[in-house]
Amino acid sequence: MEKIVIKGGVPLAGEVQVSGAKNSALPLLFATLLAKGESEISNVPVLRDINTAVKLLRELGAEVEAEGGCYRIDSDKIKSIEASYDLVKTMRASVLVLGPLLARFGQARVSLPGGCAIGARPINLHLKGLEALGAKIVLEHGYVEATTDRLRGAKICFDFPTVGGTENLLMAAALAEGETVLENAAREPEIVQLAEALNSMGAKIAGAGTAVIHIQGVESLNPLKCRVIPDRIEAGTFMIAAAITAGNVLIHHAVSEDQEALISKLIEAGATIHPEGDGLRVIGPKQVTPVDIRTSVFPGFPTDMQAQFMALMTRAEGTSQISETVFENRFMHVCELQRMGADIRIDGHSAIIRGVRQMTGAPVMATDLRASASLILAGLAAENTTEISRIYHLDRGYEKIEQKLSALGAKIWREQE
């Protein structure tokens, strides 16, 4: 097992490149199942979740070649319609093979998903939507078994704007007969990229990025060729890294339109942020101002940035409140931050943070992907040495983060426990 070691107290300075978005690359990889022939996806980050997706595609029978962040996927020879428990349990995004397999082959058998332990994230909205398109769904022995003669368009209103559900239904409806309308759809940039990618394959999708998406089904799709958008969560993590260390960092490929909620709160906390070249420059404040946030679906404050922002608020002069409305169990990083001297109290779905003068390094344990990032951020600003164990969570979503931070002057490295 490996751990991350940090000697904190160094203001970050320099330039950093944001990698491709994991949350966009994964549905794009699975969208290649919709068409025969060889697809090509570039700017794919090197991550554990990407490796899991590739293993799953190969298990289904696809041929996958990777070189320098460019993936070529040939789905001509799909021989299986089953996504096994061994793979799906490690990454819940694997459930996104359900829609493509069902639409193209008329059947799919997919294990119920796993992933980070941040609370219940049921796929019932995915299944209700597929049933509305005419699929027969059976839950048996921990698997979703879905069959159809052919999917047919329908009007589907999500109870909640689910990202995964919107993605699964977008891909399934692309090959359905007739028109499908998705109401209360997710609006994230990753949804927009998936819709644009499907359209480049020959799909007819309008309205992505709004709450109502119209899909006119087509008979078949062509192979995909696209470039993954920058990772807005990684970009946001580097923005907070600059802020928490009173640093000065130029973040290449940070897209301000995708970060409006975070940028607004960072400015409120005292940071200076302005566009520069192809990205954003972030200058951290000498003294952090306390800020209240409430997580929400896009374009609200992202739940995937909540833990990182909490690390910043431990440095604020005063009291702040963070309310988590998306996942019910996403405060597991609090106990680890408390080990470093943070003054945080949990009150239901909210965390009350009283800023402290100085955090101190300590041995801590990562509990999920974004919690890992929050502990790194806290360690960058803390006195003495912080050691973070169970960093396999980190490798699911951040590409070479310790190398990127080291290039900005951070004293951070990876070593065996």
Protein backbone atom coordinates (compact mmCIF):
# COMPACT_ATOMS: atom_id res chain seq x y z
CA MET A 1 0.00 0.00 0.00
CA GLU A 2 1.17 3.52 -0.80
CA LYS A 3 0.68 6.77 1.08
CA ILE A 4 1.03 10.47 0.29
CA VAL A 5 3.41 12.48 2.48
CA ILE A 6 3.21 16.29 2.67
CA LYS A 7 5.34 18.87 4.46
CA GLY A 8 3.03 21.86 4.50
CA GLY A 9 3.39 25.60 4.69
CA VAL A 10 4.62 26.35 1.15
CA PRO A 11 2.65 28.89 -0.95
CA LEU A 12 2.06 27.34 -4.37
CA ALA A 13 3.29 29.21 -7.43
CA GLY A 14 3.57 28.47 -11.14
CA GLU A 15 1.43 26.86 -13.82
CA VAL A 16 -0.48 23.58 -13.92
CA GLN A 17 -2.31 21.69 -16.68
CA VAL A 18 -5.77 20.27 -16.03
CA SER A 19 -6.28 16.73 -17.35
CA GLY A 20 -9.29 15.40 -19.23
CA ALA A 21 -12.47 14.93 -17.22
CA LYS A 22 -12.96 11.46 -15.78
CA ASN A 23 -16.70 12.05 -15.54
CA SER A 24 -16.85 12.81 -19.25
CA ALA A 25 -14.37 10.17 -20.43
CA LEU A 26 -16.27 7.29 -18.82
CA PRO A 27 -19.65 7.77 -20.57
CA LEU A 28 -17.82 8.51 -23.84
CA LEU A 29 -15.93 5.21 -23.59
CA PHE A 30 -19.19 3.35 -23.02
CA ALA A 31 -20.94 5.27 -25.84
CA THR A 32 -18.60 3.50 -28.28
CA LEU A 33 -20.68 0.36 -27.65
CA LEU A 34 -23.52 1.95 -29.61
CA ALA A 35 -21.77 1.68 -32.98
CA LYS A 36 -19.84 -0.83 -35.02
CA GLY A 37 -16.32 0.10 -36.08
CA GLU A 38 -13.37 1.84 -34.45
CA SER A 39 -13.91 4.89 -32.27
CA GLU A 40 -11.18 7.25 -31.08
CA ILE A 41 -11.22 9.31 -27.88
CA SER A 42 -8.33 11.63 -26.99
CA ASN A 43 -7.31 13.55 -23.84
CA VAL A 44 -8.33 10.59 -21.68
CA PRO A 45 -6.79 10.83 -18.18
CA VAL A 46 -4.68 8.00 -16.75
CA LEU A 47 -6.79 6.87 -13.79
CA ARG A 48 -7.89 3.71 -12.03
CA ASP A 49 -11.50 4.27 -13.10
CA ILE A 50 -10.45 4.55 -16.74
CA ASN A 51 -8.53 1.28 -16.40
CA THR A 52 -11.64 -0.31 -14.93
CA ALA A 53 -13.75 0.93 -17.84
CA VAL A 54 -11.24 -0.48 -20.34
CA LYS A 55 -11.27 -3.85 -18.56
CA LEU A 56 -15.05 -3.86 -18.77
CA LEU A 57 -15.06 -3.01 -22.48
CA ARG A 58 -12.57 -5.80 -23.13
CA GLU A 59 -14.64 -8.20 -21.02
CA LEU A 60 -17.57 -7.43 -23.30
CA GLY A 61 -15.42 -8.22 -26.34
CA ALA A 62 -14.30 -4.80 -27.53
CA GLU A 63 -10.72 -4.32 -28.71
CA VAL A 64 -9.06 -1.38 -26.94
CA GLU A 65 -5.69 0.22 -27.67
CA ALA A 66 -4.29 3.13 -25.67
CA GLU A 67 -1.39 5.43 -26.46
CA GLY A 68 -0.61 8.77 -24.85
CA GLY A 69 -4.13 9.48 -23.64
CA CYS A 70 -5.67 8.43 -26.97
CA TYR A 71 -7.94 5.39 -26.87
CA ARG A 72 -9.10 3.42 -29.90
CA ILE A 73 -12.08 1.16 -29.26
CA ASP A 74 -13.36 -1.35 -31.81
CA SER A 75 -16.76 -2.67 -30.75
CA ASP A 76 -17.39 -4.88 -33.80
CA LYS A 77 -16.82 -8.11 -31.89
CA ILE A 78 -18.91 -7.66 -28.75
CA LYS A 79 -19.52 -11.20 -27.50
CA SER A 80 -21.00 -10.57 -24.05
CA ILE A 81 -23.78 -8.40 -22.69
CA GLU A 82 -22.80 -8.88 -19.01
CA ALA A 83 -20.95 -6.41 -16.78
CA SER A 84 -19.68 -8.52 -13.91
CA TYR A 85 -19.78 -7.74 -10.20
CA ASP A 86 -15.98 -7.88 -9.91
CA LEU A 87 -15.64 -4.77 -12.07
CA VAL A 88 -18.86 -2.88 -11.37
CA LYS A 89 -18.37 -3.05 -7.59
CA THR A 90 -15.26 -0.86 -7.87
CA MET A 91 -16.83 1.82 -10.07
CA ARG A 92 -20.50 2.70 -10.17
CA ALA A 93 -20.14 4.42 -13.56
CA SER A 94 -19.95 0.90 -15.02
CA VAL A 95 -23.76 0.91 -14.93
CA LEU A 96 -23.56 3.22 -17.96
CA VAL A 97 -23.08 0.17 -20.19
CA LEU A 98 -26.71 -0.71 -19.51
CA GLY A 99 -28.27 1.78 -21.94
CA PRO A 100 -25.87 1.18 -24.86
CA LEU A 101 -26.01 -2.62 -24.60
CA LEU A 102 -29.79 -2.64 -24.35
CA ALA A 103 -30.21 -0.23 -27.28
CA ARG A 104 -27.83 -2.03 -29.62
CA PHE A 105 -28.28 -5.69 -28.65
CA GLY A 106 -31.71 -5.77 -27.00
CA GLN A 107 -30.38 -7.21 -23.76
CA ALA A 108 -27.99 -6.44 -20.92
CA ARG A 109 -27.01 -8.00 -17.61
CA VAL A 110 -25.26 -5.52 -15.32
CA SER A 111 -24.28 -5.88 -11.69
CA LEU A 112 -25.67 -3.36 -9.25
CA PRO A 113 -22.97 -0.68 -8.83
CA GLY A 114 -20.41 0.18 -6.17
CA GLY A 115 -17.95 3.10 -5.95
CA CYS A 116 -17.22 5.55 -3.13
CA ALA A 117 -19.05 5.01 0.16
CA ILE A 118 -20.63 8.47 0.24
CA GLY A 119 -24.20 7.34 0.65
CA ALA A 120 -26.97 5.66 -1.29
CA ARG A 121 -26.94 6.43 -5.00
CA PRO A 122 -29.64 4.12 -6.31
CA ILE A 123 -30.08 3.53 -10.02
CA ASN A 124 -33.87 3.34 -9.80
CA LEU A 125 -34.20 6.44 -11.97
CA HIS A 126 -32.12 4.75 -14.69
CA LEU A 127 -34.35 1.67 -14.54
CA LYS A 128 -37.65 3.58 -14.49
CA GLY A 129 -36.53 5.47 -17.56
CA LEU A 130 -35.52 2.32 -19.44
CA GLU A 131 -38.85 0.71 -18.53
CA ALA A 132 -40.62 3.76 -19.96
CA LEU A 133 -38.71 3.10 -23.21
CA GLY A 134 -40.14 -0.41 -23.27
CA ALA A 135 -37.43 -2.46 -21.56
CA LYS A 136 -38.34 -5.36 -19.30
CA ILE A 137 -36.27 -5.06 -16.11
CA VAL A 138 -35.67 -7.87 -13.61
CA LEU A 139 -33.47 -7.58 -10.49
CA GLU A 140 -32.04 -10.98 -9.67
CA HIS A 141 -28.99 -12.21 -7.74
CA GLY A 142 -27.54 -8.70 -7.50
CA TYR A 143 -27.84 -8.05 -11.24
CA VAL A 144 -30.05 -5.90 -13.44
CA GLU A 145 -31.33 -8.05 -16.29
CA ALA A 146 -32.86 -5.97 -19.08
CA THR A 147 -34.41 -7.10 -22.36
CA THR A 148 -36.36 -5.50 -25.22
CA ASP A 149 -37.33 -6.24 -28.81
CA ARG A 150 -36.61 -2.56 -29.52
CA LEU A 151 -36.70 0.52 -27.36
CA ARG A 152 -39.39 3.06 -28.21
CA GLY A 153 -39.43 6.78 -27.49
CA ALA A 154 -41.28 8.11 -24.45
CA LYS A 155 -41.65 11.17 -22.26
CA ILE A 156 -39.61 10.70 -19.09
CA CYS A 157 -39.59 13.10 -16.14
CA PHE A 158 -36.83 12.45 -13.61
CA ASP A 159 -37.74 12.82 -9.93
CA PHE A 160 -34.26 14.31 -9.50
CA PRO A 161 -31.79 15.59 -12.13
CA THR A 162 -29.57 12.50 -12.08
CA VAL A 163 -26.33 12.72 -14.09
CA GLY A 164 -25.91 8.98 -14.59
CA GLY A 165 -29.59 8.49 -15.35
CA THR A 166 -29.56 11.27 -17.93
CA GLU A 167 -26.45 9.77 -19.57
CA ASN A 168 -27.86 6.25 -19.66
CA LEU A 169 -31.16 7.43 -21.14
CA LEU A 170 -29.41 9.68 -23.69
CA MET A 171 -27.47 6.71 -25.03
CA ALA A 172 -30.42 4.33 -24.96
CA ALA A 173 -32.84 6.77 -26.59
CA ALA A 174 -30.37 7.59 -29.39
CA LEU A 175 -31.25 4.22 -30.97
CA ALA A 176 -34.88 4.04 -29.84
CA GLU A 177 -37.78 4.24 -32.27
CA GLY A 178 -39.41 7.67 -32.26
CA GLU A 179 -38.89 10.67 -30.00
CA THR A 180 -37.83 10.64 -26.36
CA VAL A 181 -38.17 13.69 -24.12
CA LEU A 182 -36.16 13.86 -20.88
CA GLU A 183 -37.58 16.37 -18.40
CA ASN A 184 -35.75 17.56 -15.26
CA ALA A 185 -32.57 16.28 -16.92
CA ALA A 186 -29.09 16.91 -15.51
CA ARG A 187 -27.36 19.96 -17.03
CA GLU A 188 -23.68 19.31 -16.28
CA PRO A 189 -20.98 20.07 -18.90
CA GLU A 190 -20.33 16.33 -19.11
CA ILE A 191 -23.94 15.84 -20.26
CA VAL A 192 -23.44 18.45 -22.96
CA GLN A 193 -20.28 16.76 -24.20
CA LEU A 194 -21.96 13.35 -24.32
CA ALA A 195 -24.88 14.75 -26.33
CA GLU A 196 -22.52 16.51 -28.74
CA ALA A 197 -20.49 13.31 -29.11
CA LEU A 198 -23.64 11.29 -29.85
CA ASN A 199 -24.72 13.88 -32.41
CA SER A 200 -21.34 13.56 -34.11
CA MET A 201 -22.11 9.83 -34.39
CA GLY A 202 -25.40 10.59 -36.14
CA ALA A 203 -27.79 10.97 -33.22
CA LYS A 204 -30.43 13.71 -33.15
CA ILE A 205 -30.33 15.34 -29.72
CA ALA A 206 -31.39 18.89 -28.83
CA GLY A 207 -31.52 20.75 -25.52
CA ALA A 208 -28.53 19.25 -23.70
CA GLY A 209 -27.44 21.68 -20.99
CA THR A 210 -31.07 22.57 -20.23
CA ALA A 211 -33.65 20.78 -18.12
CA VAL A 212 -35.48 19.38 -21.18
CA ILE A 213 -33.70 17.23 -23.78
CA HIS A 214 -35.29 15.95 -26.99
CA ILE A 215 -33.90 12.82 -28.67
CA GLN A 216 -35.12 11.64 -32.04
CA GLY A 217 -34.09 8.00 -32.37
CA VAL A 218 -32.12 6.78 -35.39
CA GLU A 219 -31.56 3.30 -36.86
CA SER A 220 -27.79 3.19 -36.34
CA LEU A 221 -24.81 5.28 -35.29
CA ASN A 222 -21.30 5.78 -36.65
CA PRO A 223 -18.06 5.37 -34.66
CA LEU A 224 -17.12 8.19 -32.30
CA LYS A 225 -14.18 10.57 -32.58
CA CYS A 226 -13.82 13.25 -29.92
CA ARG A 227 -11.59 14.93 -27.34
CA VAL A 228 -12.49 14.81 -23.63
CA ILE A 229 -13.22 18.20 -22.03
CA PRO A 230 -11.04 19.46 -19.12
CA ASP A 231 -11.85 18.15 -15.65
CA ARG A 232 -13.68 20.94 -13.82
CA ILE A 233 -13.34 19.16 -10.46
CA GLU A 234 -9.58 18.82 -10.82
CA ALA A 235 -9.41 22.47 -11.89
CA GLY A 236 -11.47 23.45 -8.86
CA THR A 237 -9.19 21.45 -6.58
CA PHE A 238 -6.14 23.37 -7.87
CA MET A 239 -8.04 26.65 -7.43
CA ILE A 240 -8.56 25.83 -3.77
CA ALA A 241 -4.93 24.66 -3.48
CA ALA A 242 -3.83 28.15 -4.55
CA ALA A 243 -6.30 29.78 -2.17
CA ILE A 244 -5.50 27.67 0.90
CA THR A 245 -1.73 28.22 0.57
CA ALA A 246 -1.96 31.96 -0.23
CA GLY A 247 -0.39 31.01 -3.55
CA ASN A 248 -0.41 32.34 -7.11
CA VAL A 249 -1.21 29.69 -9.71
CA LEU A 250 -2.18 29.78 -13.39
CA ILE A 251 -4.48 26.82 -14.08
CA HIS A 252 -4.49 25.95 -17.78
CA HIS A 253 -7.75 24.65 -19.27
CA ALA A 254 -9.85 25.81 -16.30
CA VAL A 255 -13.16 26.88 -17.87
CA SER A 256 -14.78 29.76 -15.98
CA GLU A 257 -18.27 28.99 -17.37
CA ASP A 258 -18.10 25.55 -15.72
CA GLN A 259 -16.91 26.98 -12.38
CA GLU A 260 -19.18 29.95 -11.74
CA ALA A 261 -20.55 28.74 -8.39
CA LEU A 262 -17.09 27.85 -7.06
CA ILE A 263 -15.45 31.01 -8.40
CA SER A 264 -18.12 33.14 -6.73
CA LYS A 265 -17.49 31.49 -3.36
CA LEU A 266 -13.70 31.65 -3.67
CA ILE A 267 -13.88 35.38 -4.42
CA GLU A 268 -16.17 35.77 -1.40
CA ALA A 269 -13.51 33.92 0.63
CA GLY A 270 -10.93 36.50 -0.45
CA ALA A 271 -9.26 34.95 -3.48
CA THR A 272 -8.46 36.92 -6.63
CA ILE A 273 -9.43 35.10 -9.84
CA HIS A 274 -9.19 36.31 -13.41
CA PRO A 275 -8.97 34.77 -16.90
CA GLU A 276 -5.50 34.45 -18.38
CA GLY A 277 -4.65 32.76 -21.66
CA ASP A 278 -6.45 29.42 -21.86
CA GLY A 279 -7.22 29.24 -18.16
CA LEU A 280 -7.61 31.05 -14.85
CA ARG A 281 -5.12 32.65 -12.50
CA VAL A 282 -5.92 32.22 -8.81
CA ILE A 283 -4.21 34.29 -6.10
CA GLY A 284 -4.93 33.19 -2.57
CA PRO A 285 -5.80 35.62 0.24
CA LYS A 286 -3.53 36.31 3.19
CA GLN A 287 -6.55 35.75 5.41
CA VAL A 288 -9.46 33.54 4.38
CA THR A 289 -12.96 34.97 4.94
CA PRO A 290 -15.64 32.50 6.16
CA VAL A 291 -18.24 31.57 3.54
CA ASP A 292 -21.43 29.50 3.74
CA ILE A 293 -22.17 27.06 0.92
CA ARG A 294 -24.98 24.70 0.03
CA THR A 295 -24.30 21.93 -2.48
CA SER A 296 -26.68 21.48 -5.36
CA VAL A 297 -26.94 20.05 -8.85
CA PHE A 298 -25.29 22.00 -11.67
CA PRO A 299 -25.11 24.97 -12.02
CA GLY A 300 -25.14 25.08 -8.20
CA PHE A 301 -22.15 24.45 -5.96
CA PRO A 302 -20.89 20.94 -6.83
CA THR A 303 -20.99 18.24 -4.18
CA ASP A 304 -17.68 17.01 -5.61
CA MET A 305 -16.05 20.24 -4.34
CA GLN A 306 -17.63 20.25 -0.89
CA ALA A 307 -14.82 18.41 0.94
CA GLN A 308 -12.13 20.55 -0.67
CA PHE A 309 -13.96 23.77 0.21
CA MET A 310 -14.31 22.55 3.79
CA ALA A 311 -10.53 22.24 4.00
CA LEU A 312 -10.28 25.90 2.93
CA MET A 313 -12.83 26.98 5.55
CA THR A 314 -10.72 25.47 8.34
CA ARG A 315 -8.34 28.39 7.64
CA ALA A 316 -11.03 31.08 7.73
CA GLU A 317 -11.16 33.75 10.43
CA GLY A 318 -14.63 33.06 11.74
CA THR A 319 -17.41 30.50 11.36
CA SER A 320 -18.80 29.02 8.16
CA GLN A 321 -21.50 26.48 7.38
CA ILE A 322 -21.53 23.84 4.66
CA SER A 323 -24.84 22.13 3.87
CA GLU A 324 -24.77 18.91 1.85
CA THR A 325 -28.00 18.31 -0.06
CA VAL A 326 -26.93 15.74 -2.65
CA PHE A 327 -25.45 12.82 -0.67
CA GLU A 328 -26.36 11.92 2.88
CA ASN A 329 -23.01 10.47 3.95
CA ARG A 330 -20.44 12.86 2.54
CA PHE A 331 -18.89 14.20 5.72
CA MET A 332 -16.59 11.25 6.43
CA HIS A 333 -13.55 13.47 5.91
CA VAL A 334 -14.55 15.56 8.94
CA CYS A 335 -13.03 13.15 11.48
CA GLU A 336 -9.75 13.15 9.58
CA LEU A 337 -9.65 16.95 9.37
CA GLN A 338 -10.31 17.04 13.11
CA ARG A 339 -7.20 14.91 13.62
CA MET A 340 -5.28 17.78 12.05
CA GLY A 341 -6.79 20.31 14.47
CA ALA A 342 -9.92 21.41 12.62
CA ASP A 343 -12.87 22.65 14.69
CA ILE A 344 -15.89 21.15 12.91
CA ARG A 345 -19.29 20.16 14.27
CA ILE A 346 -21.84 18.11 12.34
CA ASP A 347 -25.48 19.15 12.65
CA GLY A 348 -27.66 16.90 10.50
CA HIS A 349 -26.82 17.60 6.85
CA SER A 350 -24.67 20.59 7.74
CA ALA A 351 -21.14 21.08 9.01
CA ILE A 352 -20.28 24.09 11.18
CA ILE A 353 -16.62 25.05 10.75
CA ARG A 354 -14.82 27.42 13.10
CA GLY A 355 -11.55 28.46 11.53
CA VAL A 356 -8.35 27.77 13.47
CA ARG A 357 -5.13 29.73 13.40
CA GLN A 358 -3.05 26.79 12.24
CA MET A 359 -3.71 23.15 11.33
CA THR A 360 -0.98 20.63 12.18
CA GLY A 361 0.16 17.59 10.23
CA ALA A 362 -1.07 14.16 11.32
CA PRO A 363 -1.50 10.63 9.99
CA VAL A 364 -4.94 10.53 8.30
CA MET A 365 -6.93 8.12 6.15
CA ALA A 366 -8.76 8.82 2.91
CA THR A 367 -12.36 7.61 2.96
CA ASP A 368 -13.41 8.45 -0.60
CA LEU A 369 -12.18 10.20 -3.73
CA ARG A 370 -12.92 13.84 -2.92
CA ALA A 371 -12.11 13.35 0.78
CA SER A 372 -8.62 12.35 -0.40
CA ALA A 373 -8.26 15.72 -2.13
CA SER A 374 -9.48 17.61 0.93
CA LEU A 375 -6.81 15.97 3.09
CA ILE A 376 -4.11 16.87 0.58
CA LEU A 377 -5.29 20.49 0.59
CA ALA A 378 -5.32 20.58 4.38
CA GLY A 379 -1.85 19.05 4.43
CA LEU A 380 -0.50 21.68 2.03
CA ALA A 381 -1.48 24.43 4.50
CA ALA A 382 -0.69 22.59 7.76
CA GLU A 383 2.41 22.78 9.90
CA ASN A 384 4.79 19.80 9.91
CA THR A 385 4.11 16.51 8.11
CA THR A 386 0.85 14.94 7.01
CA GLU A 387 0.66 11.30 5.92
CA ILE A 388 -2.42 10.17 3.97
CA SER A 389 -3.13 6.45 3.69
CA ARG A 390 -5.61 4.54 1.49
CA ILE A 391 -4.79 6.79 -1.46
CA TYR A 392 -6.15 4.26 -3.95
CA HIS A 393 -9.29 6.43 -3.75
CA LEU A 394 -7.22 9.36 -5.00
CA ASP A 395 -5.96 7.42 -8.01
CA ARG A 396 -9.55 6.89 -9.17
CA GLY A 397 -9.99 10.55 -10.04
CA TYR A 398 -6.75 12.60 -10.02
CA GLU A 399 -3.98 12.09 -12.56
CA LYS A 400 -0.47 12.47 -11.06
CA ILE A 401 -1.70 15.04 -8.54
CA GLU A 402 1.40 14.83 -6.35
CA GLN A 403 3.63 15.48 -9.38
CA LYS A 404 1.54 18.47 -10.45
CA LEU A 405 1.56 19.95 -6.95
CA SER A 406 5.29 19.31 -6.60
CA ALA A 407 5.88 21.31 -9.79
CA LEU A 408 4.09 24.21 -8.05
CA GLY A 409 6.54 24.05 -5.15
CA ALA A 410 4.66 21.77 -2.77
CA LYS A 411 6.71 19.34 -0.69
CA ILE A 412 4.66 16.26 -1.49
CA TRP A 413 5.57 12.74 -2.49
CA ARG A 414 4.35 9.18 -2.59
CA GLU A 415 5.96 6.30 -0.69
CA GLN A 416 5.26 2.79 0.52
CA GLU A 417 3.54 2.48 3.89
